[in-house]
């Protein structure tokens, strides 16, 4: 059965093909090559629904390199934005961790703030736009519901009262008083066009003051600052704030968590695992309302009994599968979601989709048939161990490389590139598709 016609902006499609061909996950357009993972996505969408009701969620997306962890994180991020969440993401590195003695924690917070996104601003740095949008909605409420004049002092007072009403809800949380004060000062600077006050407030909200003294010496006169010790508490506070102003909650994504496994010092490594435990407990116990946390991890990071998460007994006791869970079954309600390799049908569908995207973007008629795609997969899967170890990244990169060569070099033959003699394979009817048909893609 043919799919409906798909329309993709050419800029997004070009970026998608370039990123996928280089083995990199793009920020936009992932849904156009999302093949498989339906059960995993369905489980995560249930999480998002729960979080929008005020609950918390915590998931490890576990798979080896190239298995699709980053892709799935990107896809979940896009779904969360569609559903009205604010999202923030950060790759962990030696300089960005959950805990450290040299500013690694606050570096992670600042990266999250740089990548803070809303549906209106999906590419990051959305905090100022989120606040401006909120202020505008409050002004519109005063004009429409209270019939106040747009430039009247009464409207300014009305908006301030609405902001204070939200601020009061935050004061009971850790650091909530200072957070509410800075939000109010930001609105004052926004209204009076005081750029210096707005800049100081934004710097504080993004965790860019290095010390409490520096924060106190600024125009804000605030006695605290976001630092290595309290940055996670402020993320929980942000989640509450976003929910108060009309968003569904806050989704946090941490990729490349394997870098925690690589920390050579045992105490430093366990301090990071302790932070993960704290985040896990908060979300599971309802102490982090409106917060969803997703971590991309390798099996080694999770299961290694010497250096992995299972070396930390408090985490192992929470994450290890139950005694009655068969090894060939996956509990999609557990904190660990293991990414199995795509089956042969899904790999075929992925290649078919990539071919359709490639021909649509470059505007040519490809001579590559469904049989050719099957032969490509046959060659890929016939390599030693590939049947179990092949990853979507490998298939995507290799297939797009073949497509690029056959398009740019007219002398390049598909069968020569994949190293398989066509005549040695039984040909099926031309254009016969043993799986499904894809609709036309429009740019």
Protein backbone atom coordinates (compact mmCIF):
# COMPACT_ATOMS: atom_id res chain seq x y z
CA UNK A 1 0.00 0.00 0.00
CA UNK A 2 1.51 3.34 -0.99
CA UNK A 3 2.26 5.94 1.66
CA UNK A 4 0.85 9.43 1.46
CA UNK A 5 2.87 12.05 -0.35
CA UNK A 6 5.61 13.48 1.85
CA UNK A 7 6.65 17.12 1.66
CA UNK A 8 10.10 18.07 2.96
CA UNK A 9 11.76 21.52 2.82
CA UNK A 10 14.82 21.22 0.62
CA UNK A 11 17.10 22.78 3.25
CA UNK A 12 16.08 20.15 5.81
CA UNK A 13 16.40 17.32 3.28
CA UNK A 14 19.88 18.44 2.21
CA UNK A 15 21.06 18.66 5.81
CA UNK A 16 19.50 15.27 6.55
CA UNK A 17 21.33 13.54 3.69
CA UNK A 18 24.65 15.22 4.48
CA UNK A 19 24.43 14.32 8.16
CA UNK A 20 23.28 10.74 7.59
CA UNK A 21 26.00 10.20 4.98
CA UNK A 22 28.62 11.31 7.50
CA UNK A 23 27.23 9.13 10.29
CA UNK A 24 25.97 12.17 12.24
CA UNK A 25 22.47 12.68 13.62
CA UNK A 26 20.89 15.91 12.32
CA UNK A 27 18.81 18.20 14.53
CA UNK A 28 15.82 18.25 12.16
CA UNK A 29 14.15 15.89 9.71
CA UNK A 30 14.71 12.66 11.63
CA UNK A 31 11.09 11.64 11.24
CA UNK A 32 11.62 11.20 7.48
CA UNK A 33 14.03 8.28 8.00
CA UNK A 34 12.49 6.90 11.18
CA UNK A 35 12.15 3.19 10.42
CA UNK A 36 11.40 0.68 13.16
CA UNK A 37 11.62 1.38 16.92
CA UNK A 38 7.81 1.65 17.09
CA UNK A 39 7.59 -0.12 20.46
CA UNK A 40 10.35 2.00 21.99
CA UNK A 41 8.79 5.22 20.73
CA UNK A 42 5.37 4.17 21.98
CA UNK A 43 6.81 3.54 25.45
CA UNK A 44 8.50 6.94 25.52
CA UNK A 45 5.34 8.70 24.36
CA UNK A 46 3.59 7.18 27.37
CA UNK A 47 6.35 8.66 29.52
CA UNK A 48 5.77 12.09 28.01
CA UNK A 49 2.05 11.81 28.66
CA UNK A 50 2.74 11.00 32.31
CA UNK A 51 5.22 13.85 32.64
CA UNK A 52 2.68 16.31 31.23
CA UNK A 53 0.44 15.28 34.15
CA UNK A 54 3.14 16.22 36.67
CA UNK A 55 4.98 12.92 37.03
CA UNK A 56 8.65 12.26 36.28
CA UNK A 57 10.37 9.87 33.86
CA UNK A 58 13.86 8.42 33.60
CA UNK A 59 15.16 6.18 30.82
CA UNK A 60 18.46 4.73 29.67
CA UNK A 61 18.57 4.12 25.90
CA UNK A 62 21.16 1.35 25.66
CA UNK A 63 22.92 0.21 22.52
CA UNK A 64 26.35 -0.19 21.02
CA UNK A 65 27.96 2.48 18.86
CA UNK A 66 25.90 3.18 15.75
CA UNK A 67 22.82 1.30 16.98
CA UNK A 68 20.64 4.40 16.89
CA UNK A 69 20.81 5.84 20.42
CA UNK A 70 21.51 9.40 19.27
CA UNK A 71 18.93 9.03 16.50
CA UNK A 72 16.27 7.89 18.95
CA UNK A 73 17.17 10.72 21.34
CA UNK A 74 16.77 13.19 18.48
CA UNK A 75 13.45 11.66 17.49
CA UNK A 76 12.13 11.76 21.07
CA UNK A 77 13.29 15.37 21.31
CA UNK A 78 11.29 16.26 18.19
CA UNK A 79 8.20 14.46 19.54
CA UNK A 80 8.53 16.27 22.88
CA UNK A 81 8.69 19.67 21.15
CA UNK A 82 5.55 18.81 19.19
CA UNK A 83 3.75 17.97 22.43
CA UNK A 84 4.57 21.32 24.05
CA UNK A 85 7.62 20.41 26.11
CA UNK A 86 10.74 22.48 26.55
CA UNK A 87 13.81 20.37 25.72
CA UNK A 88 17.51 20.68 26.54
CA UNK A 89 20.31 18.34 25.51
CA UNK A 90 24.01 17.89 26.13
CA UNK A 91 26.68 15.42 25.08
CA UNK A 92 28.84 14.38 28.04
CA UNK A 93 32.58 14.89 27.58
CA UNK A 94 35.61 15.02 29.90
CA UNK A 95 34.72 18.71 30.40
CA UNK A 96 30.98 18.14 30.86
CA UNK A 97 29.81 15.67 33.48
CA UNK A 98 27.18 15.37 36.18
CA UNK A 99 29.79 15.96 38.88
CA UNK A 100 33.34 17.28 38.93
CA UNK A 101 35.81 19.36 40.88
CA UNK A 102 36.75 21.68 38.02
CA UNK A 103 33.44 23.09 36.86
CA UNK A 104 32.24 20.05 34.88
CA UNK A 105 28.76 20.17 36.40
CA UNK A 106 28.07 23.82 35.67
CA UNK A 107 29.56 23.32 32.18
CA UNK A 108 26.86 20.69 31.56
CA UNK A 109 24.18 23.11 32.80
CA UNK A 110 25.43 25.87 30.48
CA UNK A 111 25.38 23.48 27.53
CA UNK A 112 21.80 22.57 28.37
CA UNK A 113 20.89 26.26 28.44
CA UNK A 114 22.55 26.82 25.06
CA UNK A 115 20.48 23.98 23.64
CA UNK A 116 17.26 24.91 25.43
CA UNK A 117 14.55 24.63 22.77
CA UNK A 118 10.85 25.19 22.29
CA UNK A 119 8.58 24.34 19.40
CA UNK A 120 8.94 27.91 18.11
CA UNK A 121 12.75 27.80 18.49
CA UNK A 122 13.87 24.18 18.00
CA UNK A 123 17.55 25.01 17.43
CA UNK A 124 18.37 26.22 20.95
CA UNK A 125 18.95 29.48 22.85
CA UNK A 126 15.20 29.71 23.39
CA UNK A 127 15.09 31.07 26.95
CA UNK A 128 14.82 34.75 26.02
CA UNK A 129 12.12 33.95 23.44
CA UNK A 130 10.21 31.83 25.97
CA UNK A 131 10.19 34.69 28.48
CA UNK A 132 9.28 37.28 25.83
CA UNK A 133 6.42 35.08 24.63
CA UNK A 134 5.14 34.71 28.17
CA UNK A 135 5.27 38.46 28.80
CA UNK A 136 3.42 39.10 25.54
CA UNK A 137 0.71 36.58 26.43
CA UNK A 138 0.23 38.29 29.81
CA UNK A 139 -0.07 41.67 28.13
CA UNK A 140 -2.63 40.29 25.70
CA UNK A 141 -4.56 38.82 28.61
CA UNK A 142 -4.65 42.24 30.29
CA UNK A 143 -5.79 43.96 27.11
CA UNK A 144 -8.46 41.42 26.18
CA UNK A 145 -9.77 40.25 29.56
CA UNK A 146 -9.19 43.33 31.69
CA UNK A 147 -9.73 45.85 28.86
CA UNK A 148 -6.56 47.75 29.76
CA UNK A 149 -4.94 50.19 27.37
CA UNK A 150 -1.73 48.83 25.73
CA UNK A 151 0.50 51.64 27.06
CA UNK A 152 -1.22 52.22 30.40
CA UNK A 153 0.51 51.91 33.79
CA UNK A 154 -2.38 49.64 34.81
CA UNK A 155 -1.31 47.07 32.19
CA UNK A 156 2.25 47.12 33.50
CA UNK A 157 0.94 46.58 37.04
CA UNK A 158 -1.35 43.76 35.84
CA UNK A 159 1.54 41.92 34.18
CA UNK A 160 3.69 42.36 37.28
CA UNK A 161 0.93 40.86 39.44
CA UNK A 162 0.65 37.87 37.10
CA UNK A 163 4.42 37.36 37.20
CA UNK A 164 4.40 37.59 41.00
CA UNK A 165 1.59 35.02 41.12
CA UNK A 166 3.84 32.55 39.28
CA UNK A 167 6.82 33.60 41.38
CA UNK A 168 4.95 32.76 44.56
CA UNK A 169 4.53 29.18 43.35
CA UNK A 170 8.30 28.87 43.01
CA UNK A 171 9.37 30.36 46.31
CA UNK A 172 8.80 27.12 48.21
CA UNK A 173 11.41 25.28 46.13
CA UNK A 174 15.15 25.23 46.76
CA UNK A 175 16.59 28.50 45.36
CA UNK A 176 13.08 29.46 44.27
CA UNK A 177 13.19 32.90 45.92
CA UNK A 178 16.23 34.09 43.97
CA UNK A 179 14.95 32.49 40.75
CA UNK A 180 11.64 34.34 41.07
CA UNK A 181 13.44 37.59 41.86
CA UNK A 182 15.59 37.33 38.72
CA UNK A 183 12.55 36.58 36.53
CA UNK A 184 10.87 39.73 37.89
CA UNK A 185 14.00 41.80 37.33
CA UNK A 186 14.24 40.48 33.79
CA UNK A 187 10.70 41.66 33.09
CA UNK A 188 11.52 45.08 34.57
CA UNK A 189 14.51 45.38 32.25
CA UNK A 190 12.44 44.06 29.34
CA UNK A 191 9.70 46.63 29.93
CA UNK A 192 12.07 49.56 30.50
CA UNK A 193 14.42 48.49 27.68
CA UNK A 194 17.25 48.27 30.19
CA UNK A 195 19.63 46.04 28.23
CA UNK A 196 22.18 45.84 31.06
CA UNK A 197 19.59 44.54 33.52
CA UNK A 198 18.24 42.03 30.99
CA UNK A 199 21.76 40.80 30.21
CA UNK A 200 22.64 40.35 33.88
CA UNK A 201 19.39 38.48 34.51
CA UNK A 202 19.95 36.23 31.51
CA UNK A 203 23.54 35.53 32.55
CA UNK A 204 22.31 34.47 35.98
CA UNK A 205 19.58 32.26 34.53
CA UNK A 206 22.10 30.56 32.22
CA UNK A 207 24.55 29.95 35.08
CA UNK A 208 27.21 32.29 33.73
CA UNK A 209 28.10 34.02 37.01
CA UNK A 210 31.09 32.13 38.36
CA UNK A 211 30.62 33.13 42.01
CA UNK A 212 27.97 34.40 44.40
CA UNK A 213 30.06 37.54 44.84
CA UNK A 214 29.88 38.29 41.13
CA UNK A 215 26.12 37.79 41.13
CA UNK A 216 25.74 40.06 44.15
CA UNK A 217 27.89 42.77 42.54
CA UNK A 218 25.75 42.86 39.39
CA UNK A 219 22.62 44.91 38.87
CA UNK A 220 20.61 41.97 40.24
CA UNK A 221 21.92 42.08 43.83
CA UNK A 222 21.15 38.37 44.16
CA UNK A 223 22.87 36.43 46.91
CA UNK A 224 23.18 33.09 45.08
CA UNK A 225 24.45 31.68 41.81
CA UNK A 226 24.00 28.48 39.83
CA UNK A 227 27.09 26.35 40.40
CA UNK A 228 28.52 22.82 40.38
CA UNK A 229 26.62 21.88 43.51
CA UNK A 230 23.10 23.10 42.76
CA UNK A 231 22.72 23.07 38.95
CA UNK A 232 20.43 20.03 38.96
CA UNK A 233 18.15 21.66 41.57
CA UNK A 234 17.77 24.60 39.20
CA UNK A 235 16.74 22.27 36.37
CA UNK A 236 13.91 21.00 38.56
CA UNK A 237 13.00 24.61 39.27
CA UNK A 238 12.99 25.39 35.55
CA UNK A 239 10.60 22.49 34.99
CA UNK A 240 8.19 23.92 37.55
CA UNK A 241 8.47 27.37 35.98
CA UNK A 242 7.82 26.10 32.45
CA UNK A 243 4.75 24.19 33.65
CA UNK A 244 3.46 27.32 35.40
CA UNK A 245 3.64 29.36 32.19
CA UNK A 246 1.86 26.81 30.03
CA UNK A 247 4.39 24.24 28.81
CA UNK A 248 4.01 20.49 29.35
CA UNK A 249 7.31 20.09 31.21
CA UNK A 250 11.06 19.83 30.68
CA UNK A 251 12.80 16.99 28.80
CA UNK A 252 16.54 16.55 29.40
CA UNK A 253 18.70 14.49 27.05
CA UNK A 254 22.25 13.38 27.85
CA UNK A 255 24.16 11.54 25.12
CA UNK A 256 27.64 10.02 25.05
CA UNK A 257 27.29 8.91 28.67
CA UNK A 258 29.98 6.33 28.00
CA UNK A 259 32.43 9.13 28.86
CA UNK A 260 31.49 8.56 32.51
CA UNK A 261 32.71 4.99 32.17
CA UNK A 262 36.03 6.32 30.88
CA UNK A 263 36.73 8.41 34.00
CA UNK A 264 39.93 6.83 35.38
CA UNK A 265 39.47 7.88 38.99
CA UNK A 266 37.09 5.60 40.86
CA UNK A 267 35.89 8.24 43.35
CA UNK A 268 35.16 10.75 40.57
CA UNK A 269 33.37 8.09 38.56
CA UNK A 270 31.22 7.05 41.51
CA UNK A 271 30.38 10.68 42.28
CA UNK A 272 28.87 10.90 38.81
CA UNK A 273 26.98 7.66 39.35
CA UNK A 274 25.72 9.07 42.64
CA UNK A 275 24.33 12.06 40.74
CA UNK A 276 22.56 9.72 38.32
CA UNK A 277 21.11 7.87 41.31
CA UNK A 278 19.83 11.15 42.74
CA UNK A 279 18.19 12.09 39.43
CA UNK A 280 16.68 8.62 39.10
CA UNK A 281 15.26 8.68 42.63
CA UNK A 282 13.81 12.17 42.17
CA UNK A 283 11.92 11.28 39.01
CA UNK A 284 10.69 7.93 40.29
CA UNK A 285 9.59 9.31 43.66
CA UNK A 286 7.77 12.33 42.25
CA UNK A 287 10.27 14.88 43.58
CA UNK A 288 11.05 16.14 40.06
CA UNK A 289 7.60 17.03 38.77
CA UNK A 290 7.36 17.58 35.05
CA UNK A 291 10.91 16.34 34.36
CA UNK A 292 11.81 13.60 31.85
CA UNK A 293 15.44 12.48 31.66
CA UNK A 294 16.89 10.34 28.85
CA UNK A 295 20.46 9.02 28.83
CA UNK A 296 22.20 7.41 25.87
CA UNK A 297 24.41 4.57 27.15
CA UNK A 298 26.40 1.60 25.89
CA UNK A 299 25.94 -1.92 27.32
CA UNK A 300 29.46 -1.65 28.70
CA UNK A 301 28.63 1.50 30.67
CA UNK A 302 25.56 -0.15 32.16
CA UNK A 303 26.67 -3.73 32.79
CA UNK A 304 30.41 -3.71 33.48
CA UNK A 305 30.63 -4.97 37.09
CA UNK A 306 34.00 -3.27 37.63
CA UNK A 307 33.51 0.25 36.21
CA UNK A 308 29.95 0.45 34.88
CA UNK A 309 26.72 1.49 36.53
CA UNK A 310 26.34 -2.05 37.89
CA UNK A 311 29.54 -1.52 39.87
CA UNK A 312 27.56 0.97 41.94
CA UNK A 313 25.34 -1.29 44.01
CA UNK A 314 22.60 1.28 44.66
CA UNK A 315 22.12 1.78 40.90
CA UNK A 316 22.46 -1.91 40.05
CA UNK A 317 19.70 -2.85 42.49
CA UNK A 318 17.38 -0.40 40.71
CA UNK A 319 18.32 -1.15 37.11
CA UNK A 320 19.05 -4.87 36.90
CA UNK A 321 16.24 -6.84 35.19
CA UNK A 322 13.94 -8.88 37.43
CA UNK A 323 14.64 -12.53 38.07
CA UNK A 324 11.63 -13.59 36.00
CA UNK A 325 12.45 -11.48 32.94
CA UNK A 326 13.57 -13.81 30.09
CA UNK A 327 16.82 -12.81 28.40
CA UNK A 328 15.11 -12.70 24.99
CA UNK A 329 12.33 -10.37 26.19
CA UNK A 330 12.38 -6.66 26.84
CA UNK A 331 10.33 -4.90 29.48
CA UNK A 332 9.61 -1.52 27.91
CA UNK A 333 8.32 -0.20 31.23
CA UNK A 334 11.72 -0.65 32.90
CA UNK A 335 14.32 2.16 33.07
CA UNK A 336 16.55 0.31 30.55
CA UNK A 337 15.53 0.22 26.89
CA UNK A 338 17.93 -1.94 24.88
CA UNK A 339 18.08 -1.15 21.18
CA UNK A 340 18.12 -4.34 19.15
CA UNK A 341 19.37 -4.28 15.59
CA UNK A 342 16.76 -3.46 12.94
CA UNK A 343 15.40 -6.60 11.29
CA UNK A 344 15.96 -7.29 7.58
CA UNK A 345 12.58 -5.84 6.56
CA UNK A 346 13.32 -2.62 8.45
CA UNK A 347 16.78 -2.34 6.90
CA UNK A 348 15.22 -2.76 3.46
CA UNK A 349 12.64 -0.08 4.26
CA UNK A 350 15.42 2.24 5.46
CA UNK A 351 17.37 1.85 2.21
CA UNK A 352 14.22 2.33 0.16
CA UNK A 353 13.48 5.54 2.01
CA UNK A 354 17.06 6.78 1.58
CA UNK A 355 16.87 6.11 -2.17
CA UNK A 356 13.62 8.07 -2.41
CA UNK A 357 15.07 11.00 -0.45
CA UNK A 358 18.27 11.00 -2.51
CA UNK A 359 16.51 11.01 -5.89
CA UNK A 360 14.06 13.67 -4.72
CA UNK A 361 16.80 16.00 -3.50
CA UNK A 362 19.08 15.68 -6.53
CA UNK A 363 16.24 15.43 -9.02
CA UNK A 364 17.10 12.31 -11.01
CA UNK A 365 15.59 8.96 -11.94
CA UNK A 366 17.50 6.15 -10.29
CA UNK A 367 18.02 2.81 -12.03
CA UNK A 368 18.49 1.07 -8.69
CA UNK A 369 15.67 -1.43 -8.20
CA UNK A 370 14.28 -3.21 -5.17
CA UNK A 371 16.30 -6.26 -6.18
CA UNK A 372 19.45 -4.13 -6.12
CA UNK A 373 18.68 -2.99 -2.59
CA UNK A 374 18.18 -6.59 -1.52
CA UNK A 375 21.55 -7.48 -3.04
CA UNK A 376 23.20 -4.60 -1.22
CA UNK A 377 21.80 -5.88 2.06
CA UNK A 378 22.81 -9.43 1.17
CA UNK A 379 26.41 -8.30 0.74
CA UNK A 380 26.30 -6.25 3.94
CA UNK A 381 24.81 -9.07 6.01
CA UNK A 382 27.05 -11.78 4.55
CA UNK A 383 30.12 -10.27 6.14
CA UNK A 384 31.37 -12.22 9.14
CA UNK A 385 29.27 -11.38 12.20
CA UNK A 386 27.29 -8.69 10.38
CA UNK A 387 23.99 -10.49 10.83
CA UNK A 388 24.05 -9.60 14.53
CA UNK A 389 26.47 -6.66 14.63
CA UNK A 390 25.47 -4.47 11.69
CA UNK A 391 24.07 -1.11 12.75
CA UNK A 392 21.72 1.42 11.13
CA UNK A 393 24.61 3.90 10.99
CA UNK A 394 26.70 1.50 8.91
CA UNK A 395 23.86 0.68 6.53
CA UNK A 396 22.85 4.32 6.12
CA UNK A 397 26.37 5.60 5.55
CA UNK A 398 27.37 2.81 3.14
CA UNK A 399 24.16 2.97 1.11
CA UNK A 400 24.25 6.75 0.77
CA UNK A 401 27.89 6.50 -0.28
CA UNK A 402 26.88 4.11 -3.06
CA UNK A 403 24.06 6.45 -4.12
CA UNK A 404 26.41 9.43 -4.17
CA UNK A 405 28.88 7.56 -6.36
CA UNK A 406 26.30 6.29 -8.84
CA UNK A 407 24.84 9.80 -9.14
CA UNK A 408 28.10 11.78 -9.42
CA UNK A 409 30.12 9.23 -11.44
CA UNK A 410 28.16 7.97 -14.45
CA UNK A 411 30.74 5.23 -15.04
CA UNK A 412 30.19 3.78 -11.56
CA UNK A 413 28.09 0.62 -11.68
CA UNK A 414 25.98 -0.32 -8.68
CA UNK A 415 26.90 -3.99 -8.93
CA UNK A 416 30.61 -3.19 -9.14
CA UNK A 417 30.46 -0.90 -6.12
CA UNK A 418 28.84 -3.50 -3.88
CA UNK A 419 31.12 -6.23 -5.22
CA UNK A 420 28.42 -8.67 -6.28
CA UNK A 421 27.90 -10.20 -9.71
CA UNK A 422 24.35 -9.49 -10.75
CA UNK A 423 24.11 -12.53 -12.97
CA UNK A 424 24.79 -14.80 -9.99
CA UNK A 425 21.61 -13.72 -8.26
CA UNK A 426 18.16 -14.76 -9.36
CA UNK A 427 16.36 -11.62 -10.57
CA UNK A 428 12.76 -10.99 -9.65
CA UNK A 429 10.27 -9.05 -11.67
CA UNK A 430 11.44 -5.47 -12.21
CA UNK A 431 10.07 -3.02 -9.63
CA UNK A 432 8.60 -5.84 -7.58
CA UNK A 433 8.57 -4.76 -3.96
CA UNK A 434 8.32 -7.65 -1.49
CA UNK A 435 7.71 -5.25 1.41
CA UNK A 436 5.84 -2.02 0.66
CA UNK A 437 5.78 1.00 -1.58
CA UNK A 438 6.75 4.54 -0.63
CA UNK A 439 4.91 7.60 -1.77
CA UNK A 440 6.46 10.42 -3.74
CA UNK A 441 8.44 13.01 -1.76
CA UNK A 442 7.92 16.68 -2.58
CA UNK A 443 10.47 19.39 -1.78
